[in-house]
């Protein structure tokens, strides 16, 4: 009789724990935290600062996503901003519904000041465009690259911006070297 009581108590605790786990609310807000760049999924340059968000889930906790960022100014005065948006499980995917220019405006810190976008061009596996940051009076170029296709979207999307110091222009060689250097670790 005592064994039956223990079994009933164990089963009720087990059922309750499953109920609590199933009722966990979706984490729908990205909260950024500073991290050591060695912990980032972005292979960053020396001197950049890195940040990452918590894992955010969709309703029903099926879709799970995380964002990463590396940014800063090089010793030569070039501003770099790299952004990664990554699906965290095989059920999740990221769609591309906006133009490259709109994506760059959205992910770039001074996106509201970005203007005069060039037509989109392609270099290796990245779409890119040059533009002007009117607030900082800088000539910039930005790229968008996607990961593997998954369920009508991609497993990740990366955006990156390189801006020359005020009064200087980016060369094609500088930007293609930058594109080649933007990668994951």
C-alpha atoms as a PDB file:
ATOM      1  CA  UNK A   1       0.000   0.000   0.000  1.00  0.00           C
ATOM      2  CA  UNK A   2       2.821   2.351   0.857  1.00  0.00           C
ATOM      3  CA  UNK A   3       4.521   1.612  -2.510  1.00  0.00           C
ATOM      4  CA  UNK A   4       1.292   2.490  -4.342  1.00  0.00           C
ATOM      5  CA  UNK A   5       1.146   5.827  -2.493  1.00  0.00           C
ATOM      6  CA  UNK A   6       4.746   6.632  -3.403  1.00  0.00           C
ATOM      7  CA  UNK A   7       4.128   5.716  -7.035  1.00  0.00           C
ATOM      8  CA  UNK A   8       1.028   7.942  -7.139  1.00  0.00           C
ATOM      9  CA  UNK A   9       2.966  10.823  -5.565  1.00  0.00           C
ATOM     10  CA  UNK A  10       5.846  10.366  -8.036  1.00  0.00           C
ATOM     11  CA  UNK A  11       3.490  10.286 -11.027  1.00  0.00           C
ATOM     12  CA  UNK A  12       1.631  13.401  -9.858  1.00  0.00           C
ATOM     13  CA  UNK A  13       4.951  15.277  -9.435  1.00  0.00           C
ATOM     14  CA  UNK A  14       6.088  14.118 -12.861  1.00  0.00           C
ATOM     15  CA  UNK A  15       2.810  15.235 -14.453  1.00  0.00           C
ATOM     16  CA  UNK A  16       3.020  18.607 -12.719  1.00  0.00           C
ATOM     17  CA  UNK A  17       6.604  19.164 -13.914  1.00  0.00           C
ATOM     18  CA  UNK A  18       5.565  18.419 -17.521  1.00  0.00           C
ATOM     19  CA  UNK A  19       2.652  20.821 -17.179  1.00  0.00           C
ATOM     20  CA  UNK A  20       4.951  23.599 -15.943  1.00  0.00           C
ATOM     21  CA  UNK A  21       7.443  22.930 -18.747  1.00  0.00           C
ATOM     22  CA  UNK A  22       4.695  23.050 -21.377  1.00  0.00           C
ATOM     23  CA  UNK A  23       3.291  26.279 -19.984  1.00  0.00           C
ATOM     24  CA  UNK A  24       6.581  28.159 -20.144  1.00  0.00           C
ATOM     25  CA  UNK A  25       5.926  31.488 -21.851  1.00  0.00           C
ATOM     26  CA  UNK A  26       7.773  32.381 -25.023  1.00  0.00           C
ATOM     27  CA  UNK A  27      10.750  34.720 -24.577  1.00  0.00           C
ATOM     28  CA  UNK A  28       9.752  37.348 -27.139  1.00  0.00           C
ATOM     29  CA  UNK A  29      12.140  40.185 -26.298  1.00  0.00           C
ATOM     30  CA  UNK A  30      15.795  40.370 -27.264  1.00  0.00           C
ATOM     31  CA  UNK A  31      17.970  41.531 -24.346  1.00  0.00           C
ATOM     32  CA  UNK A  32      21.535  42.475 -25.282  1.00  0.00           C
ATOM     33  CA  UNK A  33      24.536  41.733 -23.049  1.00  0.00           C
ATOM     34  CA  UNK A  34      28.229  42.478 -23.469  1.00  0.00           C
ATOM     35  CA  UNK A  35      30.291  39.329 -24.036  1.00  0.00           C
ATOM     36  CA  UNK A  36      33.919  38.402 -24.567  1.00  0.00           C
ATOM     37  CA  UNK A  37      34.422  38.330 -28.349  1.00  0.00           C
ATOM     38  CA  UNK A  38      35.921  34.835 -28.042  1.00  0.00           C
ATOM     39  CA  UNK A  39      32.426  33.646 -27.020  1.00  0.00           C
ATOM     40  CA  UNK A  40      30.780  35.216 -30.069  1.00  0.00           C
ATOM     41  CA  UNK A  41      29.695  33.337 -33.186  1.00  0.00           C
ATOM     42  CA  UNK A  42      31.165  36.255 -35.172  1.00  0.00           C
ATOM     43  CA  UNK A  43      34.888  36.050 -35.910  1.00  0.00           C
ATOM     44  CA  UNK A  44      35.715  39.628 -34.955  1.00  0.00           C
ATOM     45  CA  UNK A  45      38.723  41.876 -35.391  1.00  0.00           C
ATOM     46  CA  UNK A  46      40.965  42.908 -32.479  1.00  0.00           C
ATOM     47  CA  UNK A  47      39.617  45.904 -30.598  1.00  0.00           C
ATOM     48  CA  UNK A  48      35.937  45.379 -31.436  1.00  0.00           C
ATOM     49  CA  UNK A  49      33.280  45.037 -28.746  1.00  0.00           C
ATOM     50  CA  UNK A  50      30.871  42.109 -28.845  1.00  0.00           C
ATOM     51  CA  UNK A  51      27.320  41.622 -27.685  1.00  0.00           C
ATOM     52  CA  UNK A  52      24.774  38.810 -27.786  1.00  0.00           C
ATOM     53  CA  UNK A  53      21.121  38.406 -26.935  1.00  0.00           C
ATOM     54  CA  UNK A  54      19.235  35.781 -25.059  1.00  0.00           C
ATOM     55  CA  UNK A  55      17.499  33.076 -27.101  1.00  0.00           C
ATOM     56  CA  UNK A  56      14.086  34.355 -28.154  1.00  0.00           C
ATOM     57  CA  UNK A  57      11.282  31.919 -28.945  1.00  0.00           C
ATOM     58  CA  UNK A  58       8.055  32.217 -30.872  1.00  0.00           C
ATOM     59  CA  UNK A  59       4.639  31.235 -29.611  1.00  0.00           C
ATOM     60  CA  UNK A  60       4.696  27.555 -28.716  1.00  0.00           C
ATOM     61  CA  UNK A  61       8.487  27.707 -28.222  1.00  0.00           C
ATOM     62  CA  UNK A  62       9.122  26.146 -31.645  1.00  0.00           C
ATOM     63  CA  UNK A  63      11.065  28.940 -33.344  1.00  0.00           C
ATOM     64  CA  UNK A  64      14.210  29.912 -31.423  1.00  0.00           C
ATOM     65  CA  UNK A  65      16.554  32.742 -32.450  1.00  0.00           C
ATOM     66  CA  UNK A  66      19.592  34.605 -31.179  1.00  0.00           C
ATOM     67  CA  UNK A  67      21.405  37.756 -32.300  1.00  0.00           C
ATOM     68  CA  UNK A  68      25.106  38.585 -32.135  1.00  0.00           C
ATOM     69  CA  UNK A  69      26.965  41.838 -32.812  1.00  0.00           C
ATOM     70  CA  UNK A  70      30.572  43.013 -33.098  1.00  0.00           C
ATOM     71  CA  UNK A  71      31.328  46.698 -33.547  1.00  0.00           C
ATOM     72  CA  UNK A  72      33.886  49.422 -33.052  1.00  0.00           C
ATOM     73  CA  UNK A  73      36.443  51.666 -34.689  1.00  0.00           C
ATOM     74  CA  UNK A  74      39.799  50.404 -35.913  1.00  0.00           C
ATOM     75  CA  UNK A  75      43.071  52.153 -35.093  1.00  0.00           C
ATOM     76  CA  UNK A  76      42.950  53.621 -38.641  1.00  0.00           C
ATOM     77  CA  UNK A  77      39.538  55.184 -37.924  1.00  0.00           C
ATOM     78  CA  UNK A  78      37.320  52.772 -39.906  1.00  0.00           C
ATOM     79  CA  UNK A  79      34.000  51.927 -38.272  1.00  0.00           C
ATOM     80  CA  UNK A  80      32.947  48.256 -38.375  1.00  0.00           C
ATOM     81  CA  UNK A  81      29.572  46.802 -37.428  1.00  0.00           C
ATOM     82  CA  UNK A  82      28.818  43.089 -37.929  1.00  0.00           C
ATOM     83  CA  UNK A  83      25.435  41.601 -37.073  1.00  0.00           C
ATOM     84  CA  UNK A  84      24.357  37.943 -37.036  1.00  0.00           C
ATOM     85  CA  UNK A  85      20.796  36.694 -36.645  1.00  0.00           C
ATOM     86  CA  UNK A  86      20.785  32.943 -36.111  1.00  0.00           C
ATOM     87  CA  UNK A  87      18.140  30.227 -35.836  1.00  0.00           C
ATOM     88  CA  UNK A  88      18.803  28.032 -32.810  1.00  0.00           C
ATOM     89  CA  UNK A  89      17.133  24.784 -33.884  1.00  0.00           C
ATOM     90  CA  UNK A  90      16.229  22.889 -37.051  1.00  0.00           C
ATOM     91  CA  UNK A  91      12.594  24.077 -36.916  1.00  0.00           C
ATOM     92  CA  UNK A  92      13.559  27.763 -37.042  1.00  0.00           C
ATOM     93  CA  UNK A  93      14.399  29.810 -40.107  1.00  0.00           C
ATOM     94  CA  UNK A  94      14.914  33.463 -41.019  1.00  0.00           C
ATOM     95  CA  UNK A  95      13.245  34.969 -44.063  1.00  0.00           C
ATOM     96  CA  UNK A  96      14.446  37.827 -46.218  1.00  0.00           C
ATOM     97  CA  UNK A  97      11.478  40.043 -46.912  1.00  0.00           C
ATOM     98  CA  UNK A  98      13.294  43.358 -47.313  1.00  0.00           C
ATOM     99  CA  UNK A  99      15.807  44.760 -49.769  1.00  0.00           C
ATOM    100  CA  UNK A 100      19.504  44.751 -48.937  1.00  0.00           C
ATOM    101  CA  UNK A 101      19.350  48.525 -48.351  1.00  0.00           C
ATOM    102  CA  UNK A 102      16.406  48.167 -45.944  1.00  0.00           C
ATOM    103  CA  UNK A 103      18.168  45.346 -44.087  1.00  0.00           C
ATOM    104  CA  UNK A 104      21.339  47.447 -43.745  1.00  0.00           C
ATOM    105  CA  UNK A 105      19.336  50.440 -42.486  1.00  0.00           C
ATOM    106  CA  UNK A 106      17.669  48.153 -39.926  1.00  0.00           C
ATOM    107  CA  UNK A 107      20.822  46.447 -38.601  1.00  0.00           C
ATOM    108  CA  UNK A 108      23.243  49.426 -38.771  1.00  0.00           C
ATOM    109  CA  UNK A 109      23.569  51.564 -35.640  1.00  0.00           C
ATOM    110  CA  UNK A 110      23.124  54.801 -37.640  1.00  0.00           C
ATOM    111  CA  UNK A 111      20.643  53.253 -40.069  1.00  0.00           C
ATOM    112  CA  UNK A 112      18.286  56.228 -39.861  1.00  0.00           C
ATOM    113  CA  UNK A 113      21.082  58.394 -41.306  1.00  0.00           C
ATOM    114  CA  UNK A 114      22.004  55.968 -44.103  1.00  0.00           C
ATOM    115  CA  UNK A 115      21.184  57.376 -47.535  1.00  0.00           C
ATOM    116  CA  UNK A 116      22.251  57.353 -51.194  1.00  0.00           C
ATOM    117  CA  UNK A 117      22.384  53.550 -51.546  1.00  0.00           C
ATOM    118  CA  UNK A 118      23.991  52.240 -54.714  1.00  0.00           C
ATOM    119  CA  UNK A 119      22.333  49.467 -56.728  1.00  0.00           C
ATOM    120  CA  UNK A 120      22.954  46.057 -55.141  1.00  0.00           C
ATOM    121  CA  UNK A 121      25.977  44.167 -56.428  1.00  0.00           C
ATOM    122  CA  UNK A 122      27.239  40.661 -55.704  1.00  0.00           C
ATOM    123  CA  UNK A 123      30.658  39.523 -54.492  1.00  0.00           C
ATOM    124  CA  UNK A 124      31.083  35.785 -53.921  1.00  0.00           C
ATOM    125  CA  UNK A 125      28.147  34.837 -51.669  1.00  0.00           C
ATOM    126  CA  UNK A 126      27.212  38.332 -50.466  1.00  0.00           C
ATOM    127  CA  UNK A 127      24.958  41.109 -51.728  1.00  0.00           C
ATOM    128  CA  UNK A 128      26.418  44.542 -51.047  1.00  0.00           C
ATOM    129  CA  UNK A 129      25.752  48.216 -51.527  1.00  0.00           C
ATOM    130  CA  UNK A 130      27.603  51.449 -50.853  1.00  0.00           C
ATOM    131  CA  UNK A 131      25.864  54.287 -49.015  1.00  0.00           C
ATOM    132  CA  UNK A 132      26.423  57.504 -47.132  1.00  0.00           C
ATOM    133  CA  UNK A 133      26.040  57.961 -43.372  1.00  0.00           C
ATOM    134  CA  UNK A 134      24.858  61.588 -43.285  1.00  0.00           C
ATOM    135  CA  UNK A 135      25.055  61.838 -39.482  1.00  0.00           C
ATOM    136  CA  UNK A 136      28.736  60.846 -39.317  1.00  0.00           C
ATOM    137  CA  UNK A 137      29.613  62.261 -42.788  1.00  0.00           C
ATOM    138  CA  UNK A 138      31.103  58.893 -43.752  1.00  0.00           C
ATOM    139  CA  UNK A 139      31.145  56.847 -46.920  1.00  0.00           C
ATOM    140  CA  UNK A 140      30.147  53.281 -46.087  1.00  0.00           C
ATOM    141  CA  UNK A 141      29.480  49.919 -47.664  1.00  0.00           C
ATOM    142  CA  UNK A 142      27.362  47.124 -46.293  1.00  0.00           C
ATOM    143  CA  UNK A 143      26.750  43.482 -47.066  1.00  0.00           C
ATOM    144  CA  UNK A 144      24.133  40.836 -46.478  1.00  0.00           C
ATOM    145  CA  UNK A 145      24.969  37.119 -46.597  1.00  0.00           C
ATOM    146  CA  UNK A 146      22.741  34.153 -45.830  1.00  0.00           C
ATOM    147  CA  UNK A 147      23.443  30.716 -44.450  1.00  0.00           C
ATOM    148  CA  UNK A 148      21.999  27.427 -45.636  1.00  0.00           C
ATOM    149  CA  UNK A 149      18.444  27.297 -46.928  1.00  0.00           C
ATOM    150  CA  UNK A 150      15.939  25.925 -44.461  1.00  0.00           C
ATOM    151  CA  UNK A 151      12.136  25.537 -44.672  1.00  0.00           C
ATOM    152  CA  UNK A 152      11.492  28.632 -46.819  1.00  0.00           C
ATOM    153  CA  UNK A 153      14.223  30.729 -45.217  1.00  0.00           C
ATOM    154  CA  UNK A 154      17.791  30.465 -43.957  1.00  0.00           C
ATOM    155  CA  UNK A 155      19.530  29.168 -40.845  1.00  0.00           C
ATOM    156  CA  UNK A 156      21.260  32.529 -40.384  1.00  0.00           C
ATOM    157  CA  UNK A 157      21.715  35.940 -41.934  1.00  0.00           C
ATOM    158  CA  UNK A 158      24.700  38.193 -41.443  1.00  0.00           C
ATOM    159  CA  UNK A 159      25.004  41.885 -42.148  1.00  0.00           C
ATOM    160  CA  UNK A 160      28.124  43.986 -41.958  1.00  0.00           C
ATOM    161  CA  UNK A 161      28.990  47.638 -42.465  1.00  0.00           C
ATOM    162  CA  UNK A 162      32.390  49.240 -43.038  1.00  0.00           C
ATOM    163  CA  UNK A 163      32.636  53.050 -42.943  1.00  0.00           C
ATOM    164  CA  UNK A 164      35.686  55.100 -43.901  1.00  0.00           C
ATOM    165  CA  UNK A 165      36.825  57.922 -41.647  1.00  0.00           C
ATOM    166  CA  UNK A 166      35.136  61.252 -42.439  1.00  0.00           C
ATOM    167  CA  UNK A 167      36.657  62.841 -45.527  1.00  0.00           C
ATOM    168  CA  UNK A 168      37.958  59.535 -46.934  1.00  0.00           C
ATOM    169  CA  UNK A 169      36.419  57.051 -49.346  1.00  0.00           C
ATOM    170  CA  UNK A 170      36.406  53.254 -49.306  1.00  0.00           C
ATOM    171  CA  UNK A 171      38.161  51.521 -52.158  1.00  0.00           C
ATOM    172  CA  UNK A 172      36.765  48.403 -53.813  1.00  0.00           C
ATOM    173  CA  UNK A 173      39.800  46.451 -52.571  1.00  0.00           C
ATOM    174  CA  UNK A 174      39.189  47.546 -48.981  1.00  0.00           C
ATOM    175  CA  UNK A 175      35.578  46.466 -49.102  1.00  0.00           C
ATOM    176  CA  UNK A 176      36.164  43.123 -50.847  1.00  0.00           C
ATOM    177  CA  UNK A 177      38.831  42.320 -48.230  1.00  0.00           C
ATOM    178  CA  UNK A 178      36.285  43.250 -45.563  1.00  0.00           C
ATOM    179  CA  UNK A 179      33.658  40.942 -47.130  1.00  0.00           C
ATOM    180  CA  UNK A 180      36.189  38.112 -47.204  1.00  0.00           C
ATOM    181  CA  UNK A 181      36.958  38.704 -43.515  1.00  0.00           C
ATOM    182  CA  UNK A 182      33.336  38.659 -42.314  1.00  0.00           C
ATOM    183  CA  UNK A 183      32.773  35.095 -41.162  1.00  0.00           C
ATOM    184  CA  UNK A 184      31.503  32.928 -38.336  1.00  0.00           C
ATOM    185  CA  UNK A 185      33.520  30.994 -35.781  1.00  0.00           C
END
